[in-house]
N, C-alpha and C. Protein backbone atom coordinates (compact mmCIF):
# COMPACT_ATOMS: atom_id res chain seq x y z
N UNK A 1 5.73 -19.20 185.38
CA UNK A 1 5.74 -19.72 186.54
C UNK A 1 4.74 -20.34 187.07
N UNK A 2 3.33 -20.10 186.46
CA UNK A 2 2.20 -20.95 186.75
C UNK A 2 2.26 -22.32 187.23
N UNK A 3 2.91 -23.10 185.67
CA UNK A 3 2.87 -24.35 185.36
C UNK A 3 4.07 -24.87 186.44
N UNK A 4 4.99 -24.27 186.54
CA UNK A 4 6.17 -24.72 187.38
C UNK A 4 5.76 -24.57 188.70
N UNK A 5 4.81 -23.67 189.36
CA UNK A 5 4.26 -23.44 190.57
C UNK A 5 3.46 -25.14 190.54
N UNK A 6 2.34 -25.41 189.62
CA UNK A 6 1.85 -26.67 189.86
C UNK A 6 2.55 -27.73 189.84
N UNK A 7 3.53 -27.81 189.37
CA UNK A 7 4.20 -29.13 189.13
C UNK A 7 4.88 -29.50 190.33
N UNK A 8 5.48 -28.31 190.86
CA UNK A 8 6.47 -28.40 192.35
C UNK A 8 5.73 -28.53 193.19
N UNK A 9 4.34 -28.00 193.35
CA UNK A 9 3.49 -28.15 194.41
C UNK A 9 3.17 -29.66 194.69
N UNK A 10 3.11 -30.58 193.99
CA UNK A 10 3.09 -31.87 194.31
C UNK A 10 4.44 -32.90 193.83
N UNK A 11 5.53 -32.12 194.06
CA UNK A 11 6.71 -32.79 193.82
C UNK A 11 7.70 -33.28 194.58
N UNK A 12 7.22 -32.93 195.92
CA UNK A 12 7.92 -33.39 197.22
C UNK A 12 8.95 -32.40 197.33
N UNK A 13 9.30 -31.86 198.37
CA UNK A 13 10.37 -30.98 198.57
C UNK A 13 10.06 -29.71 198.58
N UNK A 14 11.12 -28.75 199.21
CA UNK A 14 10.66 -27.49 199.40
C UNK A 14 11.12 -26.47 198.43
N UNK A 15 10.68 -25.26 197.84
CA UNK A 15 10.93 -24.72 196.81
C UNK A 15 10.65 -23.29 197.17
N UNK A 16 11.58 -22.11 196.79
CA UNK A 16 11.19 -21.09 196.61
C UNK A 16 11.20 -20.46 195.02
N UNK A 17 9.89 -19.90 194.50
CA UNK A 17 10.00 -19.50 193.26
C UNK A 17 9.81 -17.86 193.35
N UNK A 18 10.45 -17.34 192.36
CA UNK A 18 10.67 -15.90 192.35
C UNK A 18 10.96 -15.60 190.81
N UNK A 19 10.79 -14.27 190.66
CA UNK A 19 11.21 -13.91 189.34
C UNK A 19 11.83 -12.53 189.22
N UNK A 20 11.48 -11.93 188.27
CA UNK A 20 12.20 -10.49 188.12
C UNK A 20 10.97 -9.67 188.27
N UNK A 21 11.28 -8.50 188.71
CA UNK A 21 10.27 -7.37 189.15
C UNK A 21 9.20 -7.66 188.95
N UNK A 22 8.59 -7.43 187.45
CA UNK A 22 7.70 -7.62 186.37
C UNK A 22 6.81 -8.98 186.76
N UNK A 23 7.88 -9.66 187.21
CA UNK A 23 7.01 -11.16 187.86
C UNK A 23 5.92 -11.02 188.67
N UNK A 24 6.83 -10.24 189.62
CA UNK A 24 6.15 -10.10 190.92
C UNK A 24 4.82 -9.06 191.26
N UNK A 25 4.45 -8.41 189.86
CA UNK A 25 3.04 -7.88 189.72
C UNK A 25 2.29 -8.72 188.94
N UNK A 26 2.35 -9.99 188.79
CA UNK A 26 1.43 -10.60 188.15
C UNK A 26 0.92 -11.68 189.36
N UNK A 27 -0.66 -11.54 189.19
CA UNK A 27 -1.12 -12.42 190.24
C UNK A 27 -1.31 -13.53 190.05
N UNK A 28 -1.06 -14.27 191.29
CA UNK A 28 -1.02 -15.78 191.17
C UNK A 28 -1.95 -16.57 191.96
N UNK A 29 -2.75 -15.35 192.79
CA UNK A 29 -3.60 -15.97 193.86
C UNK A 29 -4.55 -17.44 193.89
N UNK A 30 -5.33 -16.88 192.50
CA UNK A 30 -6.45 -18.10 192.03
C UNK A 30 -5.77 -19.09 192.06
N UNK A 31 -4.55 -19.55 191.63
CA UNK A 31 -3.89 -20.88 191.35
C UNK A 31 -3.20 -21.33 192.93
N UNK A 32 -2.75 -20.35 193.66
CA UNK A 32 -2.26 -20.66 195.05
C UNK A 32 -3.54 -21.18 195.78
N UNK A 33 -4.65 -20.71 195.77
CA UNK A 33 -5.92 -20.77 196.26
C UNK A 33 -6.15 -22.44 196.18
N UNK A 34 -6.15 -22.75 194.78
CA UNK A 34 -6.55 -23.78 193.95
C UNK A 34 -5.64 -25.28 194.38
N UNK A 35 -4.48 -24.61 194.51
CA UNK A 35 -3.39 -25.92 194.88
C UNK A 35 -3.87 -26.24 196.20
N UNK A 36 -3.68 -25.01 197.32
CA UNK A 36 -3.76 -25.45 198.66
C UNK A 36 -5.25 -25.90 198.78
N UNK A 37 -6.24 -25.89 197.96
CA UNK A 37 -7.58 -26.47 198.22
C UNK A 37 -7.44 -28.20 197.93
N UNK A 38 -6.22 -28.39 197.10
CA UNK A 38 -6.17 -29.68 196.57
C UNK A 38 -5.12 -30.39 197.70
N UNK A 39 -4.66 -29.95 198.72
CA UNK A 39 -3.60 -30.26 199.48
C UNK A 39 -2.42 -29.88 199.52
N UNK A 40 -1.91 -29.06 198.40
CA UNK A 40 -0.75 -28.56 198.35
C UNK A 40 -0.40 -27.18 199.72
N UNK A 41 0.82 -27.22 199.61
CA UNK A 41 1.28 -26.32 200.58
C UNK A 41 2.07 -25.17 200.18
N UNK A 42 1.39 -24.05 199.76
CA UNK A 42 2.40 -22.61 198.83
C UNK A 42 1.46 -21.95 199.66
N UNK A 43 2.59 -20.90 200.10
CA UNK A 43 2.52 -19.87 200.84
C UNK A 43 3.19 -18.83 199.96
N UNK A 44 2.78 -17.30 200.20
CA UNK A 44 3.46 -16.26 199.72
C UNK A 44 4.59 -15.70 200.47
N UNK A 45 5.76 -15.47 199.84
CA UNK A 45 7.25 -15.17 200.57
C UNK A 45 6.88 -13.35 200.83
N UNK A 46 5.84 -12.89 199.97
CA UNK A 46 5.71 -11.28 200.00
C UNK A 46 4.54 -10.94 200.13
N UNK A 47 3.89 -10.19 199.22
CA UNK A 47 2.55 -9.38 199.22
C UNK A 47 1.98 -10.92 198.57
N UNK A 48 0.79 -10.83 199.71
CA UNK A 48 -0.27 -11.81 199.41
C UNK A 48 -0.98 -11.87 197.93
N UNK A 49 -1.00 -13.03 197.32
CA UNK A 49 -1.57 -12.99 195.78
C UNK A 49 -0.37 -12.80 194.64
N UNK A 50 0.81 -12.65 195.06
CA UNK A 50 1.74 -12.35 193.96
C UNK A 50 2.82 -12.93 194.41
N UNK A 51 4.09 -13.33 193.52
CA UNK A 51 5.33 -14.27 193.80
C UNK A 51 6.19 -13.20 194.75
N UNK A 52 6.98 -13.89 195.54
CA UNK A 52 7.61 -14.84 195.45
C UNK A 52 6.72 -16.00 196.10
N UNK A 53 7.11 -17.18 195.94
CA UNK A 53 6.21 -18.04 196.30
C UNK A 53 7.02 -19.11 197.16
N UNK A 54 6.51 -19.96 198.48
CA UNK A 54 7.32 -20.71 199.06
C UNK A 54 6.65 -22.30 199.07
N UNK A 55 6.93 -23.08 198.30
CA UNK A 55 6.06 -24.32 198.06
C UNK A 55 6.80 -25.47 199.01
N UNK A 56 5.96 -25.96 199.93
CA UNK A 56 6.41 -27.28 201.03
C UNK A 56 5.77 -28.38 200.47
N UNK A 57 6.46 -29.55 200.65
CA UNK A 57 5.85 -30.83 200.43
C UNK A 57 3.86 -30.99 200.70
N UNK A 58 3.49 -31.49 199.62
CA UNK A 58 1.92 -31.48 199.67
C UNK A 58 1.29 -32.62 200.69
N UNK A 59 0.33 -32.13 201.15
CA UNK A 59 -0.04 -33.29 202.13
C UNK A 59 -1.92 -33.51 201.87
N UNK A 60 -2.05 -34.46 201.90
CA UNK A 60 -3.66 -35.08 201.53
C UNK A 60 -4.40 -35.39 203.07
N UNK A 61 -5.31 -34.74 203.41
CA UNK A 61 -6.11 -35.03 204.88
C UNK A 61 -4.99 -35.55 205.94
N UNK A 62 -3.97 -34.84 206.24
CA UNK A 62 -3.38 -34.83 207.24
C UNK A 62 -2.03 -36.07 206.91
N UNK A 63 -2.10 -36.39 205.79
CA UNK A 63 -1.25 -37.86 205.54
C UNK A 63 0.06 -37.08 205.46
N UNK A 64 1.06 -38.23 205.38
CA UNK A 64 2.55 -38.02 205.05
C UNK A 64 2.72 -37.27 203.99
N UNK A 65 3.58 -36.66 203.54
CA UNK A 65 3.88 -35.95 202.34
C UNK A 65 4.04 -36.86 201.08
N UNK A 66 3.16 -36.36 200.18
CA UNK A 66 3.16 -36.90 198.91
C UNK A 66 4.65 -37.17 198.23
N UNK A 67 5.05 -38.56 197.95
CA UNK A 67 6.05 -38.69 197.12
C UNK A 67 5.93 -39.07 195.69
N UNK A 68 6.80 -38.81 194.76
CA UNK A 68 6.60 -39.31 192.94
C UNK A 68 5.82 -40.61 193.18
N UNK A 69 6.47 -41.55 193.92
CA UNK A 69 6.42 -43.25 193.50
C UNK A 69 4.69 -43.35 194.29
N UNK A 70 4.27 -42.59 195.08
CA UNK A 70 3.28 -42.57 195.68
C UNK A 70 2.12 -42.28 194.94
N UNK A 71 2.29 -40.97 194.18
CA UNK A 71 1.39 -40.25 193.25
C UNK A 71 1.57 -41.67 192.00
N UNK A 72 2.35 -42.02 191.64
CA UNK A 72 2.37 -43.01 190.59
C UNK A 72 1.52 -44.31 191.15
N UNK A 73 1.59 -44.91 192.16
CA UNK A 73 0.83 -45.84 192.66
C UNK A 73 -0.77 -45.46 192.42
N UNK A 74 -1.04 -44.34 193.14
CA UNK A 74 -2.43 -43.78 193.12
C UNK A 74 -3.09 -43.65 191.85
N UNK A 75 -2.37 -43.18 190.91
CA UNK A 75 -2.57 -42.71 189.63
C UNK A 75 -3.43 -43.58 188.89
N UNK A 76 -4.55 -43.23 188.21
CA UNK A 76 -5.52 -44.23 187.43
C UNK A 76 -4.78 -44.21 186.13
N UNK A 77 -4.13 -43.13 185.75
CA UNK A 77 -3.61 -43.12 184.30
C UNK A 77 -2.24 -44.12 184.14
N UNK A 78 -1.66 -44.71 185.33
CA UNK A 78 -0.68 -45.97 185.36
C UNK A 78 -0.71 -46.71 184.19
N UNK A 79 0.03 -47.23 183.00
CA UNK A 79 -0.52 -48.38 182.27
C UNK A 79 -0.58 -49.60 183.15
N UNK A 80 -1.57 -50.59 182.55
CA UNK A 80 -1.95 -51.53 183.17
C UNK A 80 -0.90 -52.86 182.90
N UNK A 81 -0.38 -52.65 181.92
CA UNK A 81 0.52 -53.53 181.33
C UNK A 81 1.75 -53.06 180.93
N UNK A 82 3.00 -53.46 181.50
CA UNK A 82 4.39 -53.14 181.20
C UNK A 82 4.74 -51.74 182.12
N UNK A 83 4.03 -51.25 183.08
CA UNK A 83 4.06 -50.28 184.16
C UNK A 83 4.33 -50.52 185.24
N UNK A 84 5.71 -49.99 185.96
CA UNK A 84 5.85 -50.39 187.19
C UNK A 84 6.21 -49.17 187.99
N UNK A 85 6.20 -49.30 189.32
CA UNK A 85 6.86 -48.03 189.93
C UNK A 85 7.72 -48.54 190.80
N UNK A 86 8.85 -47.93 190.43
CA UNK A 86 10.29 -48.34 191.23
C UNK A 86 10.34 -47.20 192.56
N UNK A 87 9.84 -47.90 193.56
CA UNK A 87 9.81 -47.28 194.58
C UNK A 87 11.01 -46.52 195.48
N UNK A 88 11.59 -47.34 194.94
CA UNK A 88 13.28 -46.99 195.79
C UNK A 88 13.94 -45.84 195.15
N UNK A 89 13.65 -45.86 194.04
CA UNK A 89 14.28 -44.88 192.98
C UNK A 89 13.35 -43.49 192.86
N UNK A 90 12.11 -43.66 193.04
CA UNK A 90 10.74 -42.75 193.11
C UNK A 90 10.50 -42.86 191.57
N UNK A 91 10.55 -43.34 190.55
CA UNK A 91 10.31 -42.97 189.25
C UNK A 91 9.38 -44.14 188.79
N UNK A 92 8.87 -43.41 187.63
CA UNK A 92 7.60 -44.37 186.95
C UNK A 92 8.73 -44.89 185.82
N UNK A 93 8.70 -46.12 186.23
CA UNK A 93 9.47 -47.11 184.72
C UNK A 93 8.16 -47.61 184.03
N UNK A 94 7.89 -47.03 182.97
CA UNK A 94 6.83 -47.75 181.95
C UNK A 94 7.06 -47.50 180.36
N UNK A 95 6.29 -48.00 179.73
CA UNK A 95 6.49 -47.78 178.49
C UNK A 95 5.19 -47.74 177.94
N UNK A 96 4.52 -46.77 177.19
CA UNK A 96 2.97 -46.38 176.62
C UNK A 96 3.21 -46.78 175.21
N UNK A 97 2.24 -47.71 175.00
CA UNK A 97 1.82 -48.25 173.90
C UNK A 97 0.66 -47.67 173.02
N UNK A 98 1.14 -47.41 171.54
CA UNK A 98 -0.14 -46.62 170.91
C UNK A 98 -0.79 -47.82 170.37
N UNK A 99 -2.42 -47.53 170.74
CA UNK A 99 -3.32 -48.60 170.22
C UNK A 99 -3.96 -48.07 169.17
């Protein structure tokens, strides 16, 4: 659940993450605090510090919600050669070459 929470926090869209009863006993507050500090919008749908979670589109300093294409454009890890962002589809179209 932790990896999925982090991935969805900046994926754009609204999500609700839940699990079996045992999952609701496992603390996740440290991750939620860290994600919210980075601009995510994650809140608890039940007891504070534990799932279920509601994840809404991330915002950076009052800006519009981040889209996948915007994150790709801002990413310094995008390849300098052969990489392009298809903002209409919101996908990263690139080929990584081994050096």
